[in-house]
Amino acid sequence: LLKNRPRNKICESVNTDSVLVWSDTKCYDKSSAVTTIFKALPYPWKFLSFFRIIPAQWRDKLYDMIARNRKIFQKPYCPVPDPKIKSRFIQSL
């Protein structure tokens, strides 16, 4: 993704263990990237971009906390689809 973009000092110093977003000539990471994504999405997601008013340090601490504990938000199993949904799957090619 970043191959064809001009490199700048902001992007060189960015933590690549988080989400990265290019917007115009700026590179955003962590919570700033997430709020930039929300800003580009349609309503109702666009509404969540208002979190940008919170200082970046606080947002990034929350981002890091969620990233460390993200497995809590995942299901511990792979759900088996009911027959109605299963009919949408391709059985063989």
Protein backbone atom coordinates (compact mmCIF):
# COMPACT_ATOMS: atom_id res chain seq x y z
CA LEU A 1 0.00 0.00 0.00
CA LEU A 2 2.68 2.48 0.94
CA LYS A 3 5.01 1.53 -1.94
CA ASN A 4 3.80 4.22 -4.33
CA ARG A 5 3.36 6.94 -1.73
CA PRO A 6 6.03 9.56 -1.09
CA ARG A 7 7.80 8.87 2.17
CA ASN A 8 7.80 11.55 4.81
CA LYS A 9 9.17 11.83 8.31
CA ILE A 10 5.74 11.28 9.88
CA CYS A 11 5.30 7.89 8.26
CA GLU A 12 8.85 6.77 8.93
CA SER A 13 8.39 7.27 12.67
CA VAL A 14 4.95 5.61 12.83
CA ASN A 15 4.42 2.39 14.78
CA THR A 16 3.70 -0.22 12.10
CA ASP A 17 2.09 -2.57 14.65
CA SER A 18 -1.09 -0.53 14.42
CA VAL A 19 -3.50 0.45 11.69
CA LEU A 20 -2.11 3.01 9.22
CA VAL A 21 -4.19 5.39 7.10
CA TRP A 22 -3.03 7.76 4.37
CA SER A 23 -5.19 10.83 3.91
CA ASP A 24 -3.93 13.32 1.32
CA THR A 25 -0.29 13.77 2.35
CA LYS A 26 -0.60 12.72 6.00
CA CYS A 27 -0.08 9.33 7.56
CA TYR A 28 -2.18 8.47 10.62
CA ASP A 29 -1.76 5.63 13.09
CA LYS A 30 -3.60 4.19 16.09
CA SER A 31 -6.65 6.18 17.19
CA SER A 32 -6.07 8.97 14.66
CA ALA A 33 -6.26 6.38 11.88
CA VAL A 34 -9.49 4.97 13.32
CA THR A 35 -11.15 8.39 13.57
CA THR A 36 -10.01 9.18 10.00
CA ILE A 37 -11.66 5.94 8.83
CA PHE A 38 -14.87 6.81 10.71
CA LYS A 39 -14.85 10.26 9.07
CA ALA A 40 -14.78 8.63 5.60
CA LEU A 41 -17.61 6.18 6.33
CA PRO A 42 -21.31 6.96 5.84
CA TYR A 43 -23.72 7.78 8.65
CA PRO A 44 -24.06 6.39 11.39
CA TRP A 45 -20.35 5.45 11.51
CA LYS A 46 -19.27 8.97 10.53
CA PHE A 47 -20.71 10.15 13.86
CA LEU A 48 -17.92 8.29 15.73
CA SER A 49 -15.29 10.61 14.23
CA PHE A 50 -16.25 13.12 16.94
CA PHE A 51 -13.85 11.21 19.23
CA ARG A 52 -11.13 13.26 17.52
CA ILE A 53 -11.88 16.08 20.00
CA ILE A 54 -10.37 13.91 22.76
CA PRO A 55 -6.60 14.45 23.10
CA ALA A 56 -4.58 11.95 21.03
CA GLN A 57 -2.66 10.67 24.07
CA TRP A 58 -5.89 9.59 25.76
CA ARG A 59 -7.32 8.09 22.57
CA ASP A 60 -4.09 6.17 21.95
CA LYS A 61 -4.10 4.77 25.50
CA LEU A 62 -7.65 3.51 24.93
CA TYR A 63 -6.63 2.14 21.49
CA ASP A 64 -3.68 0.27 23.07
CA MET A 65 -5.90 -1.12 25.83
CA ILE A 66 -8.43 -2.42 23.30
CA ALA A 67 -5.64 -3.82 21.10
CA ARG A 68 -4.09 -5.70 24.05
CA ASN A 69 -7.45 -7.16 25.10
CA ARG A 70 -9.06 -7.64 21.68
CA LYS A 71 -9.46 -11.39 22.21
CA ILE A 72 -12.14 -10.60 24.81
CA PHE A 73 -14.32 -9.24 21.99
CA GLN A 74 -13.88 -12.32 19.78
CA LYS A 75 -16.03 -15.41 19.93
CA PRO A 76 -14.13 -18.47 21.20
CA TYR A 77 -15.68 -20.62 18.48
CA CYS A 78 -16.61 -20.59 14.83
CA PRO A 79 -20.43 -20.49 14.57
CA VAL A 80 -22.24 -23.10 12.48
CA PRO A 81 -24.57 -21.34 10.06
CA ASP A 82 -28.25 -22.18 10.12
CA PRO A 83 -29.73 -23.81 6.96
CA LYS A 84 -31.03 -20.50 5.59
CA ILE A 85 -27.56 -18.93 5.67
CA LYS A 86 -25.82 -22.16 4.70
CA SER A 87 -27.75 -22.17 1.40
CA ARG A 88 -25.79 -19.04 0.38
CA PHE A 89 -22.45 -20.89 0.53
CA ILE A 90 -20.87 -22.41 -2.57
CA GLN A 91 -20.81 -26.18 -2.07
CA SER A 92 -18.28 -27.04 -4.78
CA LEU A 93 -16.50 -25.34 -7.63
